[in-house]
N, C-alpha and C. Protein backbone atom coordinates (compact mmCIF):
# COMPACT_ATOMS: atom_id res chain seq x y z
N MET A 1 8.02 -9.99 -19.26
CA MET A 1 8.76 -8.93 -18.27
C MET A 1 8.92 -9.05 -17.55
N TYR A 2 8.19 -10.04 -16.22
CA TYR A 2 9.16 -10.43 -14.90
C TYR A 2 10.43 -11.06 -15.10
N ASP A 3 10.45 -12.17 -16.34
CA ASP A 3 11.79 -12.00 -16.03
C ASP A 3 12.96 -10.90 -16.33
N GLN A 4 12.66 -10.06 -17.20
CA GLN A 4 13.96 -8.90 -16.86
C GLN A 4 14.05 -8.08 -15.89
N PHE A 5 13.61 -8.50 -14.72
CA PHE A 5 13.90 -7.80 -13.28
C PHE A 5 14.90 -8.49 -12.83
N ILE A 6 15.64 -7.52 -11.81
CA ILE A 6 16.44 -7.82 -10.95
C ILE A 6 16.33 -8.12 -9.86
N SER A 7 16.93 -9.24 -8.58
CA SER A 7 16.33 -9.23 -7.32
C SER A 7 17.88 -8.70 -6.57
N LEU A 8 18.06 -7.80 -5.69
CA LEU A 8 19.07 -7.79 -4.43
C LEU A 8 19.31 -8.93 -3.92
N SER A 9 20.31 -8.94 -3.65
CA SER A 9 21.13 -10.44 -2.79
C SER A 9 20.18 -10.19 -1.71
N ASP A 10 19.64 -9.35 -1.19
CA ASP A 10 19.13 -9.71 0.03
C ASP A 10 17.52 -9.66 -0.22
N GLY A 11 16.94 -9.73 -1.68
CA GLY A 11 15.55 -9.94 -2.22
C GLY A 11 14.31 -9.12 -1.78
N SER A 12 15.25 -7.92 -1.41
CA SER A 12 14.22 -6.87 -0.54
C SER A 12 13.72 -6.17 -1.64
N ILE A 13 14.41 -5.92 -3.24
CA ILE A 13 13.60 -4.79 -4.06
C ILE A 13 13.93 -5.46 -5.43
N PHE A 14 13.08 -5.18 -6.20
CA PHE A 14 13.15 -5.71 -7.94
C PHE A 14 13.77 -4.17 -8.46
N ILE A 15 14.62 -3.91 -9.35
CA ILE A 15 15.13 -2.95 -10.37
C ILE A 15 14.30 -3.46 -11.56
N PRO A 16 13.39 -2.61 -12.50
CA PRO A 16 13.04 -3.23 -13.35
C PRO A 16 13.70 -2.48 -14.53
N GLN A 17 13.56 -2.51 -15.48
CA GLN A 17 14.27 -2.19 -16.79
C GLN A 17 13.55 -0.98 -17.23
N GLU A 18 12.04 -1.02 -17.28
CA GLU A 18 11.82 -0.05 -17.53
C GLU A 18 9.94 0.15 -16.83
N VAL A 19 9.82 1.25 -16.44
CA VAL A 19 8.52 1.71 -15.56
C VAL A 19 7.53 1.78 -16.20
N ASN A 20 6.04 1.18 -15.71
CA ASN A 20 4.89 0.75 -16.51
C ASN A 20 4.57 1.84 -15.76
N ARG A 21 4.15 3.33 -15.25
CA ARG A 21 3.24 3.11 -13.98
C ARG A 21 1.61 3.85 -14.46
N TYR A 22 0.64 3.23 -13.56
CA TYR A 22 -0.56 3.06 -13.88
C TYR A 22 -0.71 3.67 -12.38
N ARG A 23 -2.18 4.61 -12.25
CA ARG A 23 -2.76 5.30 -10.96
C ARG A 23 -3.55 4.75 -10.55
N ALA A 24 -3.51 4.18 -9.33
CA ALA A 24 -4.52 3.43 -8.82
C ALA A 24 -6.01 4.36 -9.03
N LEU A 25 -7.29 4.10 -8.79
CA LEU A 25 -8.68 4.50 -9.05
C LEU A 25 -9.06 4.73 -7.67
N HIS A 26 -9.30 6.04 -7.58
CA HIS A 26 -10.36 6.04 -6.29
C HIS A 26 -11.63 5.48 -5.93
N GLY A 27 -12.20 5.22 -4.75
CA GLY A 27 -13.02 4.11 -4.86
C GLY A 27 -14.66 4.92 -5.64
N ASN A 28 -14.58 5.84 -5.87
CA ASN A 28 -15.65 6.68 -6.68
C ASN A 28 -15.37 6.79 -7.84
N GLU A 29 -14.23 5.95 -8.30
CA GLU A 29 -13.93 6.13 -9.81
C GLU A 29 -14.03 4.92 -10.19
N ARG A 30 -13.99 3.80 -9.79
CA ARG A 30 -13.67 2.32 -9.90
C ARG A 30 -14.91 1.51 -10.38
N PRO A 31 -14.96 1.45 -11.77
CA PRO A 31 -16.22 0.79 -11.93
C PRO A 31 -16.22 -0.85 -11.26
N ASP A 32 -17.37 -1.36 -11.28
CA ASP A 32 -17.85 -2.63 -10.52
C ASP A 32 -17.02 -2.88 -9.26
N ILE A 33 -17.41 -1.99 -8.54
CA ILE A 33 -16.50 -2.24 -7.28
C ILE A 33 -17.61 -3.17 -6.34
N GLY A 34 -19.13 -3.24 -6.64
CA GLY A 34 -19.65 -4.20 -6.31
C GLY A 34 -19.71 -4.80 -4.69
N GLU A 35 -19.34 -5.77 -4.04
CA GLU A 35 -19.64 -6.05 -2.86
C GLU A 35 -18.72 -4.71 -1.48
N LEU A 36 -17.19 -4.10 -2.35
CA LEU A 36 -16.70 -3.59 -1.33
C LEU A 36 -17.29 -2.59 -1.28
N GLY A 37 -18.29 -1.94 -2.52
CA GLY A 37 -18.49 -0.56 -1.70
C GLY A 37 -17.62 0.21 -1.38
N LEU A 38 -18.23 1.62 -1.25
CA LEU A 38 -17.01 3.18 -0.85
C LEU A 38 -17.03 2.65 0.61
N ASN A 39 -15.69 2.71 1.12
CA ASN A 39 -15.72 2.34 2.87
C ASN A 39 -15.52 3.90 3.39
N VAL A 40 -16.87 4.11 3.25
CA VAL A 40 -16.89 5.16 3.91
C VAL A 40 -16.61 5.55 5.02
N GLY A 41 -15.70 6.67 5.72
CA GLY A 41 -15.47 6.87 7.12
C GLY A 41 -14.58 6.28 7.26
N SER A 42 -13.65 5.94 6.12
CA SER A 42 -12.23 4.93 6.66
C SER A 42 -11.55 5.26 5.68
N PHE A 43 -10.82 3.81 4.86
CA PHE A 43 -9.75 4.57 3.71
C PHE A 43 -10.48 3.99 2.99
N ASP A 44 -9.56 4.79 1.47
CA ASP A 44 -10.08 4.67 -0.03
C ASP A 44 -8.81 3.11 -0.12
N ILE A 45 -8.90 2.19 0.34
CA ILE A 45 -8.11 1.11 0.26
C ILE A 45 -8.25 -0.06 -1.08
N ILE A 46 -7.02 -0.53 -1.84
CA ILE A 46 -7.15 -1.98 -2.89
C ILE A 46 -6.47 -3.02 -2.05
N PRO A 47 -6.84 -3.54 -1.86
CA PRO A 47 -6.06 -5.01 -0.94
C PRO A 47 -4.92 -5.41 -1.98
N LEU A 48 -3.83 -5.85 -1.72
CA LEU A 48 -2.59 -6.44 -2.27
C LEU A 48 -2.92 -7.30 -2.01
N LEU A 49 -3.03 -8.67 -3.36
CA LEU A 49 -3.67 -10.30 -3.16
C LEU A 49 -2.02 -10.99 -3.41
N PRO A 50 -2.19 -11.76 -3.00
CA PRO A 50 -0.90 -12.99 -3.12
C PRO A 50 -1.25 -13.39 -4.77
N ASN A 51 -2.07 -13.79 -5.44
CA ASN A 51 -2.24 -14.44 -6.38
C ASN A 51 -3.16 -13.59 -7.52
N PRO A 52 -3.36 -13.99 -8.39
CA PRO A 52 -4.63 -13.39 -9.32
C PRO A 52 -5.82 -13.78 -9.54
N ILE A 53 -6.41 -14.12 -8.02
CA ILE A 53 -7.46 -13.72 -7.46
C ILE A 53 -7.93 -13.35 -6.62
N PHE A 54 -9.15 -12.78 -6.51
CA PHE A 54 -9.67 -12.40 -5.40
C PHE A 54 -10.15 -12.86 -4.12
N ILE A 55 -8.97 -12.96 -3.33
CA ILE A 55 -8.76 -13.11 -2.28
C ILE A 55 -7.66 -12.93 -1.17
N LYS A 56 -8.11 -11.88 -0.51
CA LYS A 56 -6.54 -11.17 -0.02
C LYS A 56 -6.20 -12.34 1.14
N GLY A 57 -4.69 -11.81 0.90
CA GLY A 57 -4.01 -13.07 2.37
C GLY A 57 -3.76 -12.52 3.50
N GLY A 58 -2.86 -12.45 3.88
CA GLY A 58 -2.98 -12.62 5.65
C GLY A 58 -2.33 -11.78 6.03
N ALA A 59 -1.97 -11.16 7.39
CA ALA A 59 -1.21 -9.94 7.70
C ALA A 59 -0.08 -10.00 8.19
N LEU A 60 0.63 -8.86 7.50
CA LEU A 60 2.10 -9.26 7.40
C LEU A 60 2.51 -8.25 9.00
N ASN A 61 3.77 -9.20 9.24
CA ASN A 61 4.42 -8.77 10.14
C ASN A 61 5.50 -7.88 10.07
N LEU A 62 5.99 -6.67 10.92
CA LEU A 62 6.94 -5.73 10.35
C LEU A 62 7.83 -5.89 11.48
N THR A 63 9.50 -5.84 11.18
CA THR A 63 10.57 -5.65 12.00
C THR A 63 10.43 -4.40 12.39
N GLY A 64 10.90 -4.27 13.29
CA GLY A 64 11.55 -2.85 14.29
C GLY A 64 11.58 -1.89 13.30
N GLU A 65 12.86 -1.93 12.65
CA GLU A 65 13.22 -1.13 11.56
C GLU A 65 12.37 -0.98 10.41
N GLN A 66 11.39 -1.75 9.72
CA GLN A 66 10.70 -1.36 9.05
C GLN A 66 9.53 -0.20 9.34
N ALA A 67 9.08 -1.23 10.95
CA ALA A 67 8.33 0.04 10.96
C ALA A 67 8.72 1.35 11.29
N ALA A 68 10.18 1.64 11.99
CA ALA A 68 10.62 3.08 11.80
C ALA A 68 10.82 3.42 10.52
N SER A 69 10.82 2.95 9.91
CA SER A 69 11.15 3.40 8.30
C SER A 69 9.84 4.25 8.12
N ILE A 70 8.85 3.24 8.35
CA ILE A 70 7.37 3.59 7.52
C ILE A 70 6.76 4.93 8.61
N PHE A 71 7.40 5.63 9.70
CA PHE A 71 7.14 6.46 10.89
C PHE A 71 8.12 7.54 10.18
N ALA A 72 9.36 6.95 9.62
CA ALA A 72 10.08 8.09 9.31
C ALA A 72 9.55 8.76 8.00
N MET A 73 8.76 8.56 7.51
CA MET A 73 8.18 8.89 6.03
C MET A 73 7.22 9.93 6.19
N ASN A 74 6.73 10.17 7.78
CA ASN A 74 5.74 10.79 8.08
C ASN A 74 6.07 12.30 8.66
N PRO A 75 7.25 12.64 8.81
CA PRO A 75 7.97 13.80 9.94
C PRO A 75 6.25 14.76 9.92
N ASP A 76 6.70 15.75 11.24
CA ASP A 76 5.64 17.06 11.28
C ASP A 76 5.94 17.54 9.77
N GLY A 77 4.44 17.76 9.31
CA GLY A 77 4.38 18.77 8.39
C GLY A 77 2.70 19.12 8.13
N ASN A 78 2.36 20.37 7.02
CA ASN A 78 1.12 20.47 7.21
C ASN A 78 0.08 20.93 8.15
N GLY A 79 0.93 21.22 8.91
CA GLY A 79 -0.49 21.45 10.60
C GLY A 79 0.02 20.24 11.51
N PHE A 80 0.67 18.75 11.35
CA PHE A 80 0.65 18.00 11.93
C PHE A 80 1.63 17.70 12.46
N THR A 81 1.84 16.82 13.45
CA THR A 81 2.52 16.36 14.18
C THR A 81 2.94 15.14 13.18
N ALA A 82 4.37 14.59 13.94
CA ALA A 82 4.47 13.29 13.37
C ALA A 82 3.87 12.05 14.13
N LEU A 83 3.87 12.52 15.72
CA LEU A 83 3.07 11.42 16.63
C LEU A 83 1.12 11.76 16.12
N GLN A 84 0.82 12.81 15.84
CA GLN A 84 -0.56 12.72 14.75
C GLN A 84 -0.45 11.51 13.75
N LYS A 85 0.44 11.60 13.04
CA LYS A 85 0.67 10.84 11.73
C LYS A 85 0.35 9.73 12.14
N ARG A 86 1.32 9.26 13.51
CA ARG A 86 1.44 7.73 13.54
C ARG A 86 0.55 7.58 14.20
N ASN A 87 0.06 7.80 14.82
CA ASN A 87 -1.28 7.82 15.59
C ASN A 87 -2.44 7.12 14.52
N TRP A 88 -2.63 8.11 13.54
CA TRP A 88 -3.48 7.53 12.51
C TRP A 88 -3.33 6.24 12.11
N LEU A 89 -1.92 5.84 12.29
CA LEU A 89 -1.40 4.73 11.04
C LEU A 89 -1.67 3.58 11.94
N VAL A 90 -1.39 3.85 13.26
CA VAL A 90 -1.42 2.88 14.24
C VAL A 90 -2.62 2.48 15.28
N ASP A 91 -3.32 0.88 15.02
CA ASP A 91 -4.07 1.26 16.37
C ASP A 91 -3.64 0.17 17.45
N GLU A 92 -3.74 0.81 18.21
CA GLU A 92 -3.11 0.29 19.28
C GLU A 92 -3.78 -1.45 20.04
N GLU A 93 -5.00 -1.50 19.60
CA GLU A 93 -5.63 -2.62 19.77
C GLU A 93 -5.67 -3.45 18.82
N GLY A 94 -5.04 -3.47 17.81
CA GLY A 94 -5.11 -4.45 16.81
C GLY A 94 -5.29 -4.51 15.86
N ASN A 95 -6.43 -4.25 15.17
CA ASN A 95 -7.23 -4.85 13.91
C ASN A 95 -8.17 -3.70 13.22
N LYS A 96 -7.79 -1.96 13.15
CA LYS A 96 -9.02 -1.43 12.47
C LYS A 96 -7.86 -0.57 11.96
N ASP A 97 -6.89 -0.35 12.03
CA ASP A 97 -6.41 0.91 10.94
C ASP A 97 -4.91 -0.16 10.61
N VAL A 98 -4.58 1.35 9.28
CA VAL A 98 -3.43 0.45 8.56
C VAL A 98 -2.54 -0.37 9.14
N MET A 99 -1.48 -0.15 10.57
CA MET A 99 -0.52 -0.77 11.27
C MET A 99 -1.52 -1.24 12.95
N ALA A 100 -0.90 -2.33 13.02
CA ALA A 100 -1.39 -2.81 14.53
C ALA A 100 -0.08 -2.94 15.42
N TRP A 101 -0.28 -3.01 16.44
CA TRP A 101 0.41 -2.84 17.22
C TRP A 101 0.07 -4.49 17.92
N ASP A 102 0.97 -5.28 18.41
CA ASP A 102 0.20 -6.59 18.77
C ASP A 102 1.25 -6.64 19.94
N PRO A 103 0.49 -6.61 21.59
CA PRO A 103 1.20 -6.51 22.54
C PRO A 103 1.78 -8.02 22.83
N ASP A 104 1.63 -9.03 21.93
CA ASP A 104 1.56 -10.47 23.01
C ASP A 104 3.10 -10.29 22.09
N THR A 105 3.06 -9.83 20.53
CA THR A 105 4.82 -10.15 19.64
C THR A 105 5.66 -8.95 20.17
N GLN A 106 5.02 -7.96 20.72
CA GLN A 106 5.52 -6.81 20.93
C GLN A 106 6.23 -6.32 19.42
N LYS A 107 5.20 -6.55 18.60
CA LYS A 107 5.65 -5.68 17.15
C LYS A 107 4.19 -5.54 16.41
N TYR A 108 4.96 -4.59 15.24
CA TYR A 108 3.70 -3.88 14.61
C TYR A 108 3.75 -5.11 13.51
N ARG A 109 2.58 -4.51 13.28
CA ARG A 109 1.87 -5.68 11.54
C ARG A 109 1.19 -4.67 10.90
N ILE A 110 0.56 -5.24 9.64
CA ILE A 110 -0.28 -4.69 8.71
C ILE A 110 -1.66 -5.60 8.67
N PRO A 111 -2.40 -5.22 8.98
CA PRO A 111 -3.14 -6.19 9.62
C PRO A 111 -4.55 -6.47 7.91
N SER A 112 -4.00 -5.81 6.86
CA SER A 112 -4.42 -5.51 6.28
C SER A 112 -4.34 -5.39 4.71
N PRO A 113 -2.91 -5.62 4.11
CA PRO A 113 -1.94 -5.03 3.28
C PRO A 113 -2.81 -4.74 1.87
N GLY A 114 -2.63 -2.95 1.61
CA GLY A 114 -3.50 -2.94 0.44
C GLY A 114 -2.73 -1.35 0.29
N ILE A 115 -2.76 -0.69 -0.59
CA ILE A 115 -2.77 0.64 -1.55
C ILE A 115 -3.74 1.53 -1.28
N SER A 116 -3.55 2.93 -1.84
CA SER A 116 -4.60 3.90 -1.79
C SER A 116 -5.09 4.11 -2.62
N GLY A 117 -6.50 4.57 -2.74
CA GLY A 117 -6.81 5.18 -4.52
C GLY A 117 -5.43 6.18 -4.30
N GLY A 118 -5.54 6.46 -5.96
CA GLY A 118 -4.61 7.32 -6.41
C GLY A 118 -3.09 7.19 -5.91
N ALA A 119 -2.72 5.52 -5.84
CA ALA A 119 -1.18 5.11 -5.61
C ALA A 119 -0.96 4.88 -7.08
N ILE A 120 0.82 4.99 -6.86
CA ILE A 120 1.46 5.21 -8.48
C ILE A 120 1.96 3.47 -8.92
N VAL A 121 2.02 3.30 -9.01
CA VAL A 121 2.08 1.56 -9.31
C VAL A 121 3.20 1.25 -10.22
N ASN A 122 3.90 0.23 -10.65
CA ASN A 122 4.71 -0.65 -11.66
C ASN A 122 3.78 -1.58 -12.05
N VAL A 123 3.28 -1.07 -13.08
CA VAL A 123 2.86 -3.06 -13.51
C VAL A 123 3.67 -3.34 -14.17
N LEU A 124 3.76 -4.53 -14.01
CA LEU A 124 4.93 -5.68 -14.25
C LEU A 124 4.69 -6.51 -15.44
N LYS A 125 3.29 -6.93 -15.47
CA LYS A 125 2.27 -7.68 -16.28
C LYS A 125 0.98 -7.76 -15.96
N VAL A 126 -0.02 -8.10 -16.84
CA VAL A 126 -1.27 -8.62 -16.58
C VAL A 126 -1.61 -9.79 -16.74
N VAL A 127 -2.35 -10.61 -16.05
CA VAL A 127 -2.09 -11.84 -15.74
C VAL A 127 -4.46 -11.95 -15.83
N TYR A 128 -4.36 -12.92 -17.22
CA TYR A 128 -5.89 -12.67 -17.24
C TYR A 128 -6.74 -12.14 -17.73
N GLU A 129 -5.69 -10.80 -18.29
CA GLU A 129 -6.43 -9.95 -18.25
C GLU A 129 -7.73 -9.24 -17.48
N LYS A 130 -7.42 -9.60 -16.19
CA LYS A 130 -8.13 -8.97 -14.76
C LYS A 130 -6.85 -8.64 -14.15
N PHE A 131 -6.16 -9.15 -13.83
CA PHE A 131 -5.54 -8.90 -12.95
C PHE A 131 -3.43 -8.01 -12.97
N ALA A 132 -3.57 -7.05 -12.16
CA ALA A 132 -2.26 -6.65 -12.47
C ALA A 132 -1.05 -6.73 -11.40
N MET A 133 -0.36 -7.52 -12.28
CA MET A 133 0.76 -7.82 -11.29
C MET A 133 2.18 -6.73 -10.97
N ILE A 134 2.02 -5.84 -10.01
CA ILE A 134 2.87 -5.09 -9.93
C ILE A 134 3.83 -4.89 -8.62
N GLU A 135 4.88 -4.53 -8.64
CA GLU A 135 6.44 -4.50 -7.72
C GLU A 135 5.93 -3.73 -6.41
N CYS A 136 6.81 -4.27 -5.32
CA CYS A 136 6.59 -4.13 -4.04
C CYS A 136 7.21 -3.97 -3.10
N LEU A 137 8.06 -3.56 -2.66
CA LEU A 137 8.66 -4.05 -1.20
C LEU A 137 8.75 -4.68 0.17
N CYS A 138 9.53 -5.89 -0.21
CA CYS A 138 9.45 -6.72 0.92
C CYS A 138 10.03 -6.60 2.11
N GLY A 139 11.07 -5.81 2.30
CA GLY A 139 12.23 -6.18 3.25
C GLY A 139 12.68 -5.02 3.76
N VAL A 140 13.84 -4.45 3.26
CA VAL A 140 14.44 -3.37 3.47
C VAL A 140 13.28 -2.19 3.01
N ILE A 141 13.55 -0.91 3.73
CA ILE A 141 12.47 -0.02 3.42
C ILE A 141 13.38 1.17 2.88
N PRO A 142 14.16 1.53 1.66
CA PRO A 142 14.97 2.34 1.57
C PRO A 142 14.19 4.29 2.21
N GLU A 143 15.03 5.41 2.35
CA GLU A 143 14.95 6.51 3.08
C GLU A 143 13.91 6.89 1.54
N ALA A 144 14.54 6.98 0.59
CA ALA A 144 14.10 7.69 -0.76
C ALA A 144 13.58 6.48 -1.34
N LEU A 145 12.15 6.62 -2.01
CA LEU A 145 11.32 6.05 -2.66
C LEU A 145 10.90 6.45 -4.10
N PRO A 146 10.83 5.86 -5.10
CA PRO A 146 10.28 6.11 -6.12
C PRO A 146 8.69 6.78 -6.23
N ASP A 147 8.23 7.48 -7.09
CA ASP A 147 7.03 7.72 -6.55
C ASP A 147 5.99 6.27 -6.80
N TYR A 148 6.69 5.57 -7.52
CA TYR A 148 5.34 4.01 -7.58
C TYR A 148 6.01 2.80 -6.31
N LEU A 149 6.84 3.17 -5.54
CA LEU A 149 6.65 2.59 -4.35
C LEU A 149 6.22 2.99 -3.29
N ARG A 150 5.48 4.51 -2.93
CA ARG A 150 5.41 5.12 -1.99
C ARG A 150 3.81 5.72 -2.30
N PHE A 151 3.56 5.95 -1.53
CA PHE A 151 1.64 6.44 -1.82
C PHE A 151 1.22 7.20 -0.41
N GLU A 152 0.05 8.23 -1.06
CA GLU A 152 -0.42 9.11 0.20
C GLU A 152 -1.74 8.35 0.53
N TRP A 153 -2.12 8.15 2.06
CA TRP A 153 -3.40 7.41 2.13
C TRP A 153 -4.01 8.79 2.00
N TYR A 154 -5.44 8.11 1.46
CA TYR A 154 -6.73 9.16 1.50
C TYR A 154 -7.68 8.08 2.29
N GLY A 155 -8.73 8.61 2.36
CA GLY A 155 -10.14 8.37 2.94
C GLY A 155 -11.44 8.89 2.22
N PHE A 156 -12.39 8.32 2.92
CA PHE A 156 -13.64 9.13 2.44
C PHE A 156 -14.57 9.69 3.69
N GLY A 157 -14.65 10.82 3.86
CA GLY A 157 -15.76 11.57 4.93
C GLY A 157 -17.16 11.61 3.97
N GLY A 158 -17.86 10.66 4.48
CA GLY A 158 -18.87 10.76 3.47
C GLY A 158 -19.08 10.16 1.92
N THR A 159 -18.92 11.14 1.10
CA THR A 159 -18.19 10.41 0.04
C THR A 159 -17.12 11.30 -0.77
N GLU A 160 -16.86 12.30 0.27
CA GLU A 160 -15.84 13.47 -0.26
C GLU A 160 -14.00 12.25 0.31
N LEU A 161 -13.36 12.63 -0.94
CA LEU A 161 -11.97 12.12 -0.45
C LEU A 161 -11.48 13.34 0.07
N PHE A 162 -10.51 12.87 1.18
CA PHE A 162 -9.77 13.73 1.89
C PHE A 162 -8.36 13.22 1.85
N LYS A 163 -6.99 13.62 2.66
CA LYS A 163 -6.00 13.39 3.35
C LYS A 163 -5.75 13.58 4.34
N PRO A 164 -5.53 12.03 5.34
CA PRO A 164 -5.67 12.52 7.13
C PRO A 164 -4.36 13.17 7.26
N TYR A 165 -4.52 13.78 8.05
CA TYR A 165 -3.04 14.27 8.76
C TYR A 165 -2.92 15.31 7.79
N GLY A 166 -3.04 15.81 6.38
CA GLY A 166 -2.46 16.73 5.68
C GLY A 166 -1.52 15.89 4.87
N GLY A 167 -1.63 14.41 4.83
CA GLY A 167 -0.60 14.01 4.19
C GLY A 167 -0.18 12.46 5.26
N VAL A 168 -0.54 11.50 4.56
CA VAL A 168 -0.07 9.92 5.45
C VAL A 168 0.79 9.16 4.35
N TRP A 169 2.41 8.91 4.41
CA TRP A 169 3.19 8.26 3.70
C TRP A 169 2.63 7.04 3.67
N PHE A 170 2.82 5.98 2.72
CA PHE A 170 2.84 4.60 3.11
C PHE A 170 3.87 4.36 1.63
N PRO A 171 4.60 2.90 2.23
CA PRO A 171 5.44 1.93 1.13
C PRO A 171 4.11 1.28 0.73
N VAL A 172 4.76 0.69 -0.93
CA VAL A 172 3.71 0.16 -1.63
C VAL A 172 4.42 -1.57 -0.71
N PHE A 173 3.70 -2.16 0.20
CA PHE A 173 4.90 -3.52 0.57
C PHE A 173 3.51 -4.67 0.70
N PHE A 174 4.45 -5.34 0.53
CA PHE A 174 4.25 -6.96 0.92
C PHE A 174 4.81 -7.89 1.63
N SER A 175 4.38 -9.21 0.86
CA SER A 175 5.50 -10.42 1.77
C SER A 175 6.48 -10.78 0.89
N VAL A 176 5.94 -10.55 -0.34
CA VAL A 176 7.12 -10.74 -0.97
C VAL A 176 6.99 -9.62 -2.31
N PRO A 177 7.80 -9.38 -3.38
CA PRO A 177 7.98 -8.32 -3.98
C PRO A 177 7.49 -8.18 -5.19
N ILE A 178 6.00 -8.89 -5.24
CA ILE A 178 4.96 -8.39 -6.05
C ILE A 178 3.54 -8.41 -5.31
N ALA A 179 3.11 -8.36 -5.82
CA ALA A 179 1.07 -8.19 -5.45
C ALA A 179 0.05 -8.07 -6.96
N TYR A 180 -1.25 -8.34 -6.74
CA TYR A 180 -1.77 -8.65 -7.75
C TYR A 180 -2.49 -7.38 -6.92
N VAL A 181 -3.40 -6.44 -7.95
CA VAL A 181 -4.86 -5.77 -8.09
C VAL A 181 -5.77 -6.31 -9.04
N PRO A 182 -6.74 -5.85 -9.18
CA PRO A 182 -7.94 -5.71 -10.24
C PRO A 182 -6.92 -4.63 -11.41
N PHE A 183 -7.23 -5.49 -12.45
CA PHE A 183 -6.17 -4.56 -13.66
C PHE A 183 -7.56 -3.19 -14.05
N LYS A 184 -8.38 -3.25 -14.13
CA LYS A 184 -9.55 -2.27 -14.55
C LYS A 184 -10.01 -1.61 -13.30
N TRP A 185 -9.14 -1.53 -12.20
CA TRP A 185 -9.49 -0.26 -11.01
C TRP A 185 -7.56 0.43 -11.08
N LEU A 186 -7.09 0.68 -12.25
CA LEU A 186 -6.04 0.78 -12.65
C LEU A 186 -6.19 1.78 -14.00
N VAL A 187 -5.27 2.96 -14.42
CA VAL A 187 -5.33 3.94 -15.46
C VAL A 187 -4.11 4.07 -15.89
N LYS A 188 -3.86 4.08 -16.69
CA LYS A 188 -2.13 3.96 -17.38
C LYS A 188 -1.82 5.61 -17.44
N ILE A 189 -0.73 5.91 -17.20
CA ILE A 189 -0.38 7.52 -16.61
C ILE A 189 0.90 7.66 -17.61
């Protein structure tokens, strides 16, 4: 199935022949969440893995254009300003939010690439019956994205799910056009 995908000349996106949509389960729905537990008071996050083993990859550095595209996904709306949404996304100290500003390099980065529970993903194939290989963006972030390449962040306040700032959108973004997630944390839609 992976061979049936086309890469654009800049390597930024795969165009699948067909889309195999799955929904990522929220933390309180996931079987065998194990030592991860619920991320209470923070994100409902599923890490994007570089290989079909449960070891997270490193941080991703963003270009100015990529960061601007992410901020543009979150205009004023639902009673919140674009600046409030941006401030939720970015940790100015560099280690605890979705994105971080690195004052040394003057660039944004994603400290821990992931998707939120509730995200729709395109499963390219299942590996070892344990991991799903999913489609990701890795270069240019287009203005219009299909539902399986963007998602809204959720968080856990106590044990209740909530959408921060009326909904904060983010691309399914990784260092290469594929990543792995635990297959049992997805449900076919």
